Amino acid sequence: DVLLSLMYGDQPFGRSIIGSKESVQALLRPDFLSYKKDFYTAANTV
């Protein structure tokens, strides 16, 4: 995590896959429903 933060900074590859304690605590049920609707589609599935 230290290396990826160093290399990529404030962009997705610079953040941990698991997120931060603050970001995880802030997630709500509508976030899951909209994210799944947007990405868990047939064209995006193998």
ModelCIF file with pLDDT and N, C-alpha, C, O atoms, coordinates in Angstrom:
data_MODEL
#
_entry.id   MODEL 
#
_entity.id                         1 
_entity.type                       polymer 
_entity.pdbx_number_of_molecules   1 
#
_entity_poly.entity_id                      1 
_entity_poly.type                           'polypeptide(L)' 
_entity_poly.nstd_linkage                   no 
_entity_poly.nstd_monomer                   no 
_entity_poly.pdbx_seq_one_letter_code       DVLLSLMYGDQPFGRSIIGSKESVQALLRPDFLSYKKDFYTAANTV 
_entity_poly.pdbx_seq_one_letter_code_can   DVLLSLMYGDQPFGRSIIGSKESVQALLRPDFLSYKKDFYTAANTV 
_entity_poly.pdbx_strand_id                 A 
#
loop_
_entity_poly_seq.entity_id 
_entity_poly_seq.num 
_entity_poly_seq.mon_id 
_entity_poly_seq.hetero 
1 1  ASP n 
1 2  VAL n 
1 3  LEU n 
1 4  LEU n 
1 5  SER n 
1 6  LEU n 
1 7  MET n 
1 8  TYR n 
1 9  GLY n 
1 10 ASP n 
1 11 GLN n 
1 12 PRO n 
1 13 PHE n 
1 14 GLY n 
1 15 ARG n 
1 16 SER n 
1 17 ILE n 
1 18 ILE n 
1 19 GLY n 
1 20 SER n 
1 21 LYS n 
1 22 GLU n 
1 23 SER n 
1 24 VAL n 
1 25 GLN n 
1 26 ALA n 
1 27 LEU n 
1 28 LEU n 
1 29 ARG n 
1 30 PRO n 
1 31 ASP n 
1 32 PHE n 
1 33 LEU n 
1 34 SER n 
1 35 TYR n 
1 36 LYS n 
1 37 LYS n 
1 38 ASP n 
1 39 PHE n 
1 40 TYR n 
1 41 THR n 
1 42 ALA n 
1 43 ALA n 
1 44 ASN n 
1 45 THR n 
1 46 VAL n 
#
_struct_asym.id          A 
_struct_asym.entity_id   1 
#
loop_
_ma_qa_metric.id 
_ma_qa_metric.mode 
_ma_qa_metric.name 
_ma_qa_metric.software_group_id 
_ma_qa_metric.type 
1 global pLDDT . pLDDT 
2 local  pLDDT . pLDDT 
#
_ma_qa_metric_global.metric_id      1 
_ma_qa_metric_global.metric_value   97.07 
_ma_qa_metric_global.model_id       1 
_ma_qa_metric_global.ordinal_id     1 
#
loop_
_ma_qa_metric_local.label_asym_id 
_ma_qa_metric_local.label_comp_id 
_ma_qa_metric_local.label_seq_id 
_ma_qa_metric_local.metric_id 
_ma_qa_metric_local.metric_value 
_ma_qa_metric_local.model_id 
_ma_qa_metric_local.ordinal_id 
A ASP 1  2 97.00 1 1  
A VAL 2  2 97.00 1 2  
A LEU 3  2 98.00 1 3  
A LEU 4  2 97.00 1 4  
A SER 5  2 97.00 1 5  
A LEU 6  2 97.00 1 6  
A MET 7  2 97.00 1 7  
A TYR 8  2 97.00 1 8  
A GLY 9  2 96.00 1 9  
A ASP 10 2 95.00 1 10 
A GLN 11 2 96.00 1 11 
A PRO 12 2 97.00 1 12 
A PHE 13 2 97.00 1 13 
A GLY 14 2 97.00 1 14 
A ARG 15 2 97.00 1 15 
A SER 16 2 97.00 1 16 
A ILE 17 2 98.00 1 17 
A ILE 18 2 97.00 1 18 
A GLY 19 2 97.00 1 19 
A SER 20 2 97.00 1 20 
A LYS 21 2 97.00 1 21 
A GLU 22 2 98.00 1 22 
A SER 23 2 98.00 1 23 
A VAL 24 2 98.00 1 24 
A GLN 25 2 98.00 1 25 
A ALA 26 2 98.00 1 26 
A LEU 27 2 98.00 1 27 
A LEU 28 2 98.00 1 28 
A ARG 29 2 98.00 1 29 
A PRO 30 2 98.00 1 30 
A ASP 31 2 98.00 1 31 
A PHE 32 2 98.00 1 32 
A LEU 33 2 97.00 1 33 
A SER 34 2 97.00 1 34 
A TYR 35 2 97.00 1 35 
A LYS 36 2 97.00 1 36 
A LYS 37 2 96.00 1 37 
A ASP 38 2 96.00 1 38 
A PHE 39 2 96.00 1 39 
A TYR 40 2 97.00 1 40 
A THR 41 2 97.00 1 41 
A ALA 42 2 97.00 1 42 
A ALA 43 2 95.00 1 43 
A ASN 44 2 96.00 1 44 
A THR 45 2 97.00 1 45 
A VAL 46 2 97.00 1 46 
#
loop_
_atom_site.group_PDB 
_atom_site.id 
_atom_site.type_symbol 
_atom_site.label_atom_id 
_atom_site.label_alt_id 
_atom_site.label_comp_id 
_atom_site.label_asym_id 
_atom_site.label_entity_id 
_atom_site.label_seq_id 
_atom_site.pdbx_PDB_ins_code 
_atom_site.Cartn_x 
_atom_site.Cartn_y 
_atom_site.Cartn_z 
_atom_site.occupancy 
_atom_site.B_iso_or_equiv 
_atom_site.pdbx_formal_charge 
_atom_site.auth_seq_id 
_atom_site.auth_comp_id 
_atom_site.auth_asym_id 
_atom_site.auth_atom_id 
_atom_site.pdbx_PDB_model_num 
ATOM 1   N N  . ASP A 1 1  ? 0.829   -1.203  0.000   1.00 97.00 ? 1  ASP A N  1 
ATOM 2   C CA . ASP A 1 1  ? 0.000   0.000   0.000   1.00 97.00 ? 1  ASP A CA 1 
ATOM 3   C C  . ASP A 1 1  ? 0.867   1.259   0.000   1.00 97.00 ? 1  ASP A C  1 
ATOM 4   O O  . ASP A 1 1  ? 0.527   2.251   -0.644  1.00 97.00 ? 1  ASP A O  1 
ATOM 5   N N  . VAL A 1 2  ? 1.983   1.214   0.721   1.00 97.00 ? 2  VAL A N  1 
ATOM 6   C CA . VAL A 1 2  ? 2.890   2.362   0.770   1.00 97.00 ? 2  VAL A CA 1 
ATOM 7   C C  . VAL A 1 2  ? 3.455   2.633   -0.620  1.00 97.00 ? 2  VAL A C  1 
ATOM 8   O O  . VAL A 1 2  ? 3.532   3.785   -1.048  1.00 97.00 ? 2  VAL A O  1 
ATOM 9   N N  . LEU A 1 3  ? 3.853   1.571   -1.329  1.00 98.00 ? 3  LEU A N  1 
ATOM 10  C CA . LEU A 1 3  ? 4.412   1.747   -2.668  1.00 98.00 ? 3  LEU A CA 1 
ATOM 11  C C  . LEU A 1 3  ? 3.379   2.301   -3.638  1.00 98.00 ? 3  LEU A C  1 
ATOM 12  O O  . LEU A 1 3  ? 3.668   3.242   -4.378  1.00 98.00 ? 3  LEU A O  1 
ATOM 13  N N  . LEU A 1 4  ? 2.174   1.726   -3.643  1.00 97.00 ? 4  LEU A N  1 
ATOM 14  C CA . LEU A 1 4  ? 1.151   2.166   -4.594  1.00 97.00 ? 4  LEU A CA 1 
ATOM 15  C C  . LEU A 1 4  ? 0.725   3.606   -4.329  1.00 97.00 ? 4  LEU A C  1 
ATOM 16  O O  . LEU A 1 4  ? 0.466   4.356   -5.270  1.00 97.00 ? 4  LEU A O  1 
ATOM 17  N N  . SER A 1 5  ? 0.651   3.997   -3.065  1.00 97.00 ? 5  SER A N  1 
ATOM 18  C CA . SER A 1 5  ? 0.340   5.381   -2.744  1.00 97.00 ? 5  SER A CA 1 
ATOM 19  C C  . SER A 1 5  ? 1.448   6.310   -3.241  1.00 97.00 ? 5  SER A C  1 
ATOM 20  O O  . SER A 1 5  ? 1.179   7.399   -3.749  1.00 97.00 ? 5  SER A O  1 
ATOM 21  N N  . LEU A 1 6  ? 2.684   5.869   -3.090  1.00 97.00 ? 6  LEU A N  1 
ATOM 22  C CA . LEU A 1 6  ? 3.825   6.652   -3.568  1.00 97.00 ? 6  LEU A CA 1 
ATOM 23  C C  . LEU A 1 6  ? 3.799   6.820   -5.080  1.00 97.00 ? 6  LEU A C  1 
ATOM 24  O O  . LEU A 1 6  ? 4.068   7.906   -5.593  1.00 97.00 ? 6  LEU A O  1 
ATOM 25  N N  . MET A 1 7  ? 3.474   5.741   -5.796  1.00 97.00 ? 7  MET A N  1 
ATOM 26  C CA . MET A 1 7  ? 3.544   5.760   -7.258  1.00 97.00 ? 7  MET A CA 1 
ATOM 27  C C  . MET A 1 7  ? 2.353   6.452   -7.905  1.00 97.00 ? 7  MET A C  1 
ATOM 28  O O  . MET A 1 7  ? 2.502   7.105   -8.937  1.00 97.00 ? 7  MET A O  1 
ATOM 29  N N  . TYR A 1 8  ? 1.162   6.313   -7.303  1.00 97.00 ? 8  TYR A N  1 
ATOM 30  C CA . TYR A 1 8  ? -0.051  6.776   -7.985  1.00 97.00 ? 8  TYR A CA 1 
ATOM 31  C C  . TYR A 1 8  ? -0.816  7.864   -7.247  1.00 97.00 ? 8  TYR A C  1 
ATOM 32  O O  . TYR A 1 8  ? -1.712  8.481   -7.823  1.00 97.00 ? 8  TYR A O  1 
ATOM 33  N N  . GLY A 1 9  ? -0.485  8.109   -5.995  1.00 96.00 ? 9  GLY A N  1 
ATOM 34  C CA . GLY A 1 9  ? -1.102  9.218   -5.284  1.00 96.00 ? 9  GLY A CA 1 
ATOM 35  C C  . GLY A 1 9  ? -2.613  9.126   -5.198  1.00 96.00 ? 9  GLY A C  1 
ATOM 36  O O  . GLY A 1 9  ? -3.165  8.053   -4.955  1.00 96.00 ? 9  GLY A O  1 
ATOM 37  N N  . ASP A 1 10 ? -3.284  10.261  -5.398  1.00 95.00 ? 10 ASP A N  1 
ATOM 38  C CA . ASP A 1 10 ? -4.733  10.349  -5.203  1.00 95.00 ? 10 ASP A CA 1 
ATOM 39  C C  . ASP A 1 10 ? -5.498  9.958   -6.466  1.00 95.00 ? 10 ASP A C  1 
ATOM 40  O O  . ASP A 1 10 ? -6.206  10.771  -7.061  1.00 95.00 ? 10 ASP A O  1 
ATOM 41  N N  . GLN A 1 11 ? -5.339  8.704   -6.854  1.00 96.00 ? 11 GLN A N  1 
ATOM 42  C CA . GLN A 1 11 ? -6.119  8.101   -7.928  1.00 96.00 ? 11 GLN A CA 1 
ATOM 43  C C  . GLN A 1 11 ? -6.325  6.642   -7.540  1.00 96.00 ? 11 GLN A C  1 
ATOM 44  O O  . GLN A 1 11 ? -5.657  6.150   -6.631  1.00 96.00 ? 11 GLN A O  1 
ATOM 45  N N  . PRO A 1 12 ? -7.244  5.935   -8.216  1.00 97.00 ? 12 PRO A N  1 
ATOM 46  C CA . PRO A 1 12 ? -7.628  4.603   -7.725  1.00 97.00 ? 12 PRO A CA 1 
ATOM 47  C C  . PRO A 1 12 ? -6.466  3.650   -7.450  1.00 97.00 ? 12 PRO A C  1 
ATOM 48  O O  . PRO A 1 12 ? -6.488  2.947   -6.440  1.00 97.00 ? 12 PRO A O  1 
ATOM 49  N N  . PHE A 1 13 ? -5.452  3.607   -8.319  1.00 97.00 ? 13 PHE A N  1 
ATOM 50  C CA . PHE A 1 13 ? -4.348  2.675   -8.083  1.00 97.00 ? 13 PHE A CA 1 
ATOM 51  C C  . PHE A 1 13 ? -3.467  3.106   -6.917  1.00 97.00 ? 13 PHE A C  1 
ATOM 52  O O  . PHE A 1 13 ? -2.637  2.324   -6.452  1.00 97.00 ? 13 PHE A O  1 
ATOM 53  N N  . GLY A 1 14 ? -3.632  4.328   -6.441  1.00 97.00 ? 14 GLY A N  1 
ATOM 54  C CA . GLY A 1 14 ? -2.892  4.778   -5.278  1.00 97.00 ? 14 GLY A CA 1 
ATOM 55  C C  . GLY A 1 14 ? -3.604  4.498   -3.972  1.00 97.00 ? 14 GLY A C  1 
ATOM 56  O O  . GLY A 1 14 ? -3.065  4.763   -2.897  1.00 97.00 ? 14 GLY A O  1 
ATOM 57  N N  . ARG A 1 15 ? -4.818  3.961   -4.056  1.00 97.00 ? 15 ARG A N  1 
ATOM 58  C CA . ARG A 1 15 ? -5.590  3.637   -2.858  1.00 97.00 ? 15 ARG A CA 1 
ATOM 59  C C  . ARG A 1 15 ? -5.710  2.123   -2.700  1.00 97.00 ? 15 ARG A C  1 
ATOM 60  O O  . ARG A 1 15 ? -5.643  1.382   -3.681  1.00 97.00 ? 15 ARG A O  1 
ATOM 61  N N  . SER A 1 16 ? -5.885  1.680   -1.483  1.00 97.00 ? 16 SER A N  1 
ATOM 62  C CA . SER A 1 16 ? -6.015  0.254   -1.208  1.00 97.00 ? 16 SER A CA 1 
ATOM 63  C C  . SER A 1 16 ? -7.311  -0.293  -1.804  1.00 97.00 ? 16 SER A C  1 
ATOM 64  O O  . SER A 1 16 ? -8.337  0.386   -1.780  1.00 97.00 ? 16 SER A O  1 
ATOM 65  N N  . ILE A 1 17 ? -7.273  -1.509  -2.335  1.00 98.00 ? 17 ILE A N  1 
ATOM 66  C CA . ILE A 1 17 ? -8.474  -2.165  -2.854  1.00 98.00 ? 17 ILE A CA 1 
ATOM 67  C C  . ILE A 1 17 ? -9.555  -2.230  -1.784  1.00 98.00 ? 17 ILE A C  1 
ATOM 68  O O  . ILE A 1 17 ? -10.741 -2.099  -2.085  1.00 98.00 ? 17 ILE A O  1 
ATOM 69  N N  . ILE A 1 18 ? -9.156  -2.426  -0.572  1.00 97.00 ? 18 ILE A N  1 
ATOM 70  C CA . ILE A 1 18 ? -10.112 -2.609  0.521   1.00 97.00 ? 18 ILE A CA 1 
ATOM 71  C C  . ILE A 1 18 ? -10.710 -1.287  0.990   1.00 97.00 ? 18 ILE A C  1 
ATOM 72  O O  . ILE A 1 18 ? -11.688 -1.282  1.737   1.00 97.00 ? 18 ILE A O  1 
ATOM 73  N N  . GLY A 1 19 ? -10.128 -0.162  0.558   1.00 97.00 ? 19 GLY A N  1 
ATOM 74  C CA . GLY A 1 19 ? -10.617 1.143   0.967   1.00 97.00 ? 19 GLY A CA 1 
ATOM 75  C C  . GLY A 1 19 ? -9.985  1.614   2.264   1.00 97.00 ? 19 GLY A C  1 
ATOM 76  O O  . GLY A 1 19 ? -9.026  1.019   2.755   1.00 97.00 ? 19 GLY A O  1 
ATOM 77  N N  . SER A 1 20 ? -10.525 2.676   2.807   1.00 97.00 ? 20 SER A N  1 
ATOM 78  C CA . SER A 1 20 ? -10.070 3.195   4.096   1.00 97.00 ? 20 SER A CA 1 
ATOM 79  C C  . SER A 1 20 ? -11.191 3.016   5.118   1.00 97.00 ? 20 SER A C  1 
ATOM 80  O O  . SER A 1 20 ? -12.335 2.750   4.752   1.00 97.00 ? 20 SER A O  1 
ATOM 81  N N  . LYS A 1 21 ? -10.857 3.162   6.392   1.00 97.00 ? 21 LYS A N  1 
ATOM 82  C CA . LYS A 1 21 ? -11.886 3.037   7.423   1.00 97.00 ? 21 LYS A CA 1 
ATOM 83  C C  . LYS A 1 21 ? -12.970 4.095   7.242   1.00 97.00 ? 21 LYS A C  1 
ATOM 84  O O  . LYS A 1 21 ? -14.152 3.833   7.469   1.00 97.00 ? 21 LYS A O  1 
ATOM 85  N N  . GLU A 1 22 ? -12.559 5.287   6.834   1.00 98.00 ? 22 GLU A N  1 
ATOM 86  C CA . GLU A 1 22 ? -13.508 6.377   6.655   1.00 98.00 ? 22 GLU A CA 1 
ATOM 87  C C  . GLU A 1 22 ? -14.447 6.109   5.478   1.00 98.00 ? 22 GLU A C  1 
ATOM 88  O O  . GLU A 1 22 ? -15.658 6.304   5.583   1.00 98.00 ? 22 GLU A O  1 
ATOM 89  N N  . SER A 1 23 ? -13.869 5.657   4.345   1.00 98.00 ? 23 SER A N  1 
ATOM 90  C CA . SER A 1 23 ? -14.710 5.434   3.165   1.00 98.00 ? 23 SER A CA 1 
ATOM 91  C C  . SER A 1 23 ? -15.661 4.266   3.372   1.00 98.00 ? 23 SER A C  1 
ATOM 92  O O  . SER A 1 23 ? -16.814 4.329   2.946   1.00 98.00 ? 23 SER A O  1 
ATOM 93  N N  . VAL A 1 24 ? -15.203 3.210   4.013   1.00 98.00 ? 24 VAL A N  1 
ATOM 94  C CA . VAL A 1 24 ? -16.060 2.046   4.267   1.00 98.00 ? 24 VAL A CA 1 
ATOM 95  C C  . VAL A 1 24 ? -17.186 2.393   5.238   1.00 98.00 ? 24 VAL A C  1 
ATOM 96  O O  . VAL A 1 24 ? -18.327 1.978   5.039   1.00 98.00 ? 24 VAL A O  1 
ATOM 97  N N  . GLN A 1 25 ? -16.874 3.142   6.271   1.00 98.00 ? 25 GLN A N  1 
ATOM 98  C CA . GLN A 1 25 ? -17.905 3.527   7.239   1.00 98.00 ? 25 GLN A CA 1 
ATOM 99  C C  . GLN A 1 25 ? -18.985 4.382   6.597   1.00 98.00 ? 25 GLN A C  1 
ATOM 100 O O  . GLN A 1 25 ? -20.134 4.360   7.038   1.00 98.00 ? 25 GLN A O  1 
ATOM 101 N N  . ALA A 1 26 ? -18.627 5.143   5.551   1.00 98.00 ? 26 ALA A N  1 
ATOM 102 C CA . ALA A 1 26 ? -19.583 6.069   4.941   1.00 98.00 ? 26 ALA A CA 1 
ATOM 103 C C  . ALA A 1 26 ? -20.492 5.415   3.897   1.00 98.00 ? 26 ALA A C  1 
ATOM 104 O O  . ALA A 1 26 ? -21.459 6.040   3.460   1.00 98.00 ? 26 ALA A O  1 
ATOM 105 N N  . LEU A 1 27 ? -20.209 4.181   3.491   1.00 98.00 ? 27 LEU A N  1 
ATOM 106 C CA . LEU A 1 27 ? -21.002 3.531   2.451   1.00 98.00 ? 27 LEU A CA 1 
ATOM 107 C C  . LEU A 1 27 ? -22.386 3.132   2.968   1.00 98.00 ? 27 LEU A C  1 
ATOM 108 O O  . LEU A 1 27 ? -22.537 2.649   4.090   1.00 98.00 ? 27 LEU A O  1 
ATOM 109 N N  . LEU A 1 28 ? -23.395 3.350   2.108   1.00 98.00 ? 28 LEU A N  1 
ATOM 110 C CA . LEU A 1 28 ? -24.782 3.059   2.465   1.00 98.00 ? 28 LEU A CA 1 
ATOM 111 C C  . LEU A 1 28 ? -25.406 2.091   1.468   1.00 98.00 ? 28 LEU A C  1 
ATOM 112 O O  . LEU A 1 28 ? -24.869 1.888   0.379   1.00 98.00 ? 28 LEU A O  1 
ATOM 113 N N  . ARG A 1 29 ? -26.517 1.503   1.828   1.00 98.00 ? 29 ARG A N  1 
ATOM 114 C CA . ARG A 1 29 ? -27.172 0.507   0.969   1.00 98.00 ? 29 ARG A CA 1 
ATOM 115 C C  . ARG A 1 29 ? -27.418 1.025   -0.451  1.00 98.00 ? 29 ARG A C  1 
ATOM 116 O O  . ARG A 1 29 ? -27.164 0.273   -1.391  1.00 98.00 ? 29 ARG A O  1 
ATOM 117 N N  . PRO A 1 30 ? -27.888 2.236   -0.671  1.00 98.00 ? 30 PRO A N  1 
ATOM 118 C CA . PRO A 1 30 ? -28.072 2.703   -2.053  1.00 98.00 ? 30 PRO A CA 1 
ATOM 119 C C  . PRO A 1 30 ? -26.792 2.692   -2.880  1.00 98.00 ? 30 PRO A C  1 
ATOM 120 O O  . PRO A 1 30 ? -26.848 2.544   -4.100  1.00 98.00 ? 30 PRO A O  1 
ATOM 121 N N  . ASP A 1 31 ? -25.634 2.848   -2.227  1.00 98.00 ? 31 ASP A N  1 
ATOM 122 C CA . ASP A 1 31 ? -24.369 2.786   -2.954  1.00 98.00 ? 31 ASP A CA 1 
ATOM 123 C C  . ASP A 1 31 ? -24.171 1.403   -3.570  1.00 98.00 ? 31 ASP A C  1 
ATOM 124 O O  . ASP A 1 31 ? -23.730 1.292   -4.714  1.00 98.00 ? 31 ASP A O  1 
ATOM 125 N N  . PHE A 1 32 ? -24.494 0.352   -2.820  1.00 98.00 ? 32 PHE A N  1 
ATOM 126 C CA . PHE A 1 32 ? -24.352 -1.013  -3.312  1.00 98.00 ? 32 PHE A CA 1 
ATOM 127 C C  . PHE A 1 32 ? -25.327 -1.277  -4.458  1.00 98.00 ? 32 PHE A C  1 
ATOM 128 O O  . PHE A 1 32 ? -24.957 -1.865  -5.475  1.00 98.00 ? 32 PHE A O  1 
ATOM 129 N N  . LEU A 1 33 ? -26.554 -0.845  -4.290  1.00 97.00 ? 33 LEU A N  1 
ATOM 130 C CA . LEU A 1 33 ? -27.576 -1.122  -5.301  1.00 97.00 ? 33 LEU A CA 1 
ATOM 131 C C  . LEU A 1 33 ? -27.263 -0.431  -6.630  1.00 97.00 ? 33 LEU A C  1 
ATOM 132 O O  . LEU A 1 33 ? -27.412 -1.038  -7.690  1.00 97.00 ? 33 LEU A O  1 
ATOM 133 N N  . SER A 1 34 ? -26.834 0.826   -6.582  1.00 97.00 ? 34 SER A N  1 
ATOM 134 C CA . SER A 1 34 ? -26.547 1.536   -7.830  1.00 97.00 ? 34 SER A CA 1 
ATOM 135 C C  . SER A 1 34 ? -25.275 1.018   -8.483  1.00 97.00 ? 34 SER A C  1 
ATOM 136 O O  . SER A 1 34 ? -25.210 0.920   -9.709  1.00 97.00 ? 34 SER A O  1 
ATOM 137 N N  . TYR A 1 35 ? -24.262 0.685   -7.689  1.00 97.00 ? 35 TYR A N  1 
ATOM 138 C CA . TYR A 1 35 ? -23.002 0.169   -8.234  1.00 97.00 ? 35 TYR A CA 1 
ATOM 139 C C  . TYR A 1 35 ? -23.229 -1.177  -8.917  1.00 97.00 ? 35 TYR A C  1 
ATOM 140 O O  . TYR A 1 35 ? -22.714 -1.429  -10.006 1.00 97.00 ? 35 TYR A O  1 
ATOM 141 N N  . LYS A 1 36 ? -24.004 -2.033  -8.265  1.00 97.00 ? 36 LYS A N  1 
ATOM 142 C CA . LYS A 1 36 ? -24.309 -3.340  -8.849  1.00 97.00 ? 36 LYS A CA 1 
ATOM 143 C C  . LYS A 1 36 ? -25.129 -3.180  -10.132 1.00 97.00 ? 36 LYS A C  1 
ATOM 144 O O  . LYS A 1 36 ? -24.877 -3.875  -11.116 1.00 97.00 ? 36 LYS A O  1 
ATOM 145 N N  . LYS A 1 37 ? -26.092 -2.282  -10.128 1.00 96.00 ? 37 LYS A N  1 
ATOM 146 C CA . LYS A 1 37 ? -26.906 -2.058  -11.319 1.00 96.00 ? 37 LYS A CA 1 
ATOM 147 C C  . LYS A 1 37 ? -26.058 -1.555  -12.485 1.00 96.00 ? 37 LYS A C  1 
ATOM 148 O O  . LYS A 1 37 ? -26.282 -1.950  -13.629 1.00 96.00 ? 37 LYS A O  1 
ATOM 149 N N  . ASP A 1 38 ? -25.107 -0.706  -12.206 1.00 96.00 ? 38 ASP A N  1 
ATOM 150 C CA . ASP A 1 38 ? -24.269 -0.130  -13.254 1.00 96.00 ? 38 ASP A CA 1 
ATOM 151 C C  . ASP A 1 38 ? -23.282 -1.135  -13.841 1.00 96.00 ? 38 ASP A C  1 
ATOM 152 O O  . ASP A 1 38 ? -23.049 -1.139  -15.050 1.00 96.00 ? 38 ASP A O  1 
ATOM 153 N N  . PHE A 1 39 ? -22.702 -1.984  -12.996 1.00 96.00 ? 39 PHE A N  1 
ATOM 154 C CA . PHE A 1 39 ? -21.574 -2.795  -13.439 1.00 96.00 ? 39 PHE A CA 1 
ATOM 155 C C  . PHE A 1 39 ? -21.842 -4.296  -13.550 1.00 96.00 ? 39 PHE A C  1 
ATOM 156 O O  . PHE A 1 39 ? -21.212 -4.969  -14.366 1.00 96.00 ? 39 PHE A O  1 
ATOM 157 N N  . TYR A 1 40 ? -22.764 -4.832  -12.748 1.00 97.00 ? 40 TYR A N  1 
ATOM 158 C CA . TYR A 1 40 ? -23.019 -6.270  -12.778 1.00 97.00 ? 40 TYR A CA 1 
ATOM 159 C C  . TYR A 1 40 ? -24.037 -6.577  -13.874 1.00 97.00 ? 40 TYR A C  1 
ATOM 160 O O  . TYR A 1 40 ? -25.177 -6.957  -13.604 1.00 97.00 ? 40 TYR A O  1 
ATOM 161 N N  . THR A 1 41 ? -23.593 -6.402  -15.112 1.00 97.00 ? 41 THR A N  1 
ATOM 162 C CA . THR A 1 41 ? -24.445 -6.588  -16.280 1.00 97.00 ? 41 THR A CA 1 
ATOM 163 C C  . THR A 1 41 ? -23.904 -7.728  -17.143 1.00 97.00 ? 41 THR A C  1 
ATOM 164 O O  . THR A 1 41 ? -22.765 -8.164  -16.975 1.00 97.00 ? 41 THR A O  1 
ATOM 165 N N  . ALA A 1 42 ? -24.729 -8.197  -18.057 1.00 97.00 ? 42 ALA A N  1 
ATOM 166 C CA . ALA A 1 42 ? -24.320 -9.315  -18.913 1.00 97.00 ? 42 ALA A CA 1 
ATOM 167 C C  . ALA A 1 42 ? -23.097 -8.957  -19.759 1.00 97.00 ? 42 ALA A C  1 
ATOM 168 O O  . ALA A 1 42 ? -22.173 -9.760  -19.888 1.00 97.00 ? 42 ALA A O  1 
ATOM 169 N N  . ALA A 1 43 ? -23.092 -7.755  -20.333 1.00 95.00 ? 43 ALA A N  1 
ATOM 170 C CA . ALA A 1 43 ? -21.975 -7.362  -21.196 1.00 95.00 ? 43 ALA A CA 1 
ATOM 171 C C  . ALA A 1 43 ? -20.673 -7.223  -20.435 1.00 95.00 ? 43 ALA A C  1 
ATOM 172 O O  . ALA A 1 43 ? -19.597 -7.226  -21.033 1.00 95.00 ? 43 ALA A O  1 
ATOM 173 N N  . ASN A 1 44 ? -20.763 -7.101  -19.117 1.00 96.00 ? 44 ASN A N  1 
ATOM 174 C CA . ASN A 1 44 ? -19.569 -6.926  -18.289 1.00 96.00 ? 44 ASN A CA 1 
ATOM 175 C C  . ASN A 1 44 ? -19.223 -8.190  -17.509 1.00 96.00 ? 44 ASN A C  1 
ATOM 176 O O  . ASN A 1 44 ? -18.381 -8.160  -16.612 1.00 96.00 ? 44 ASN A O  1 
ATOM 177 N N  . THR A 1 45 ? -19.882 -9.312  -17.857 1.00 97.00 ? 45 THR A N  1 
ATOM 178 C CA . THR A 1 45 ? -19.728 -10.564 -17.104 1.00 97.00 ? 45 THR A CA 1 
ATOM 179 C C  . THR A 1 45 ? -19.163 -11.678 -17.980 1.00 97.00 ? 45 THR A C  1 
ATOM 180 O O  . THR A 1 45 ? -19.518 -11.817 -19.151 1.00 97.00 ? 45 THR A O  1 
ATOM 181 N N  . VAL A 1 46 ? -18.285 -12.457 -17.387 1.00 97.00 ? 46 VAL A N  1 
ATOM 182 C CA . VAL A 1 46 ? -17.743 -13.665 -18.021 1.00 97.00 ? 46 VAL A CA 1 
ATOM 183 C C  . VAL A 1 46 ? -18.010 -14.845 -17.093 1.00 97.00 ? 46 VAL A C  1 
ATOM 184 O O  . VAL A 1 46 ? -17.644 -15.976 -17.412 1.00 97.00 ? 46 VAL A O  1 
#
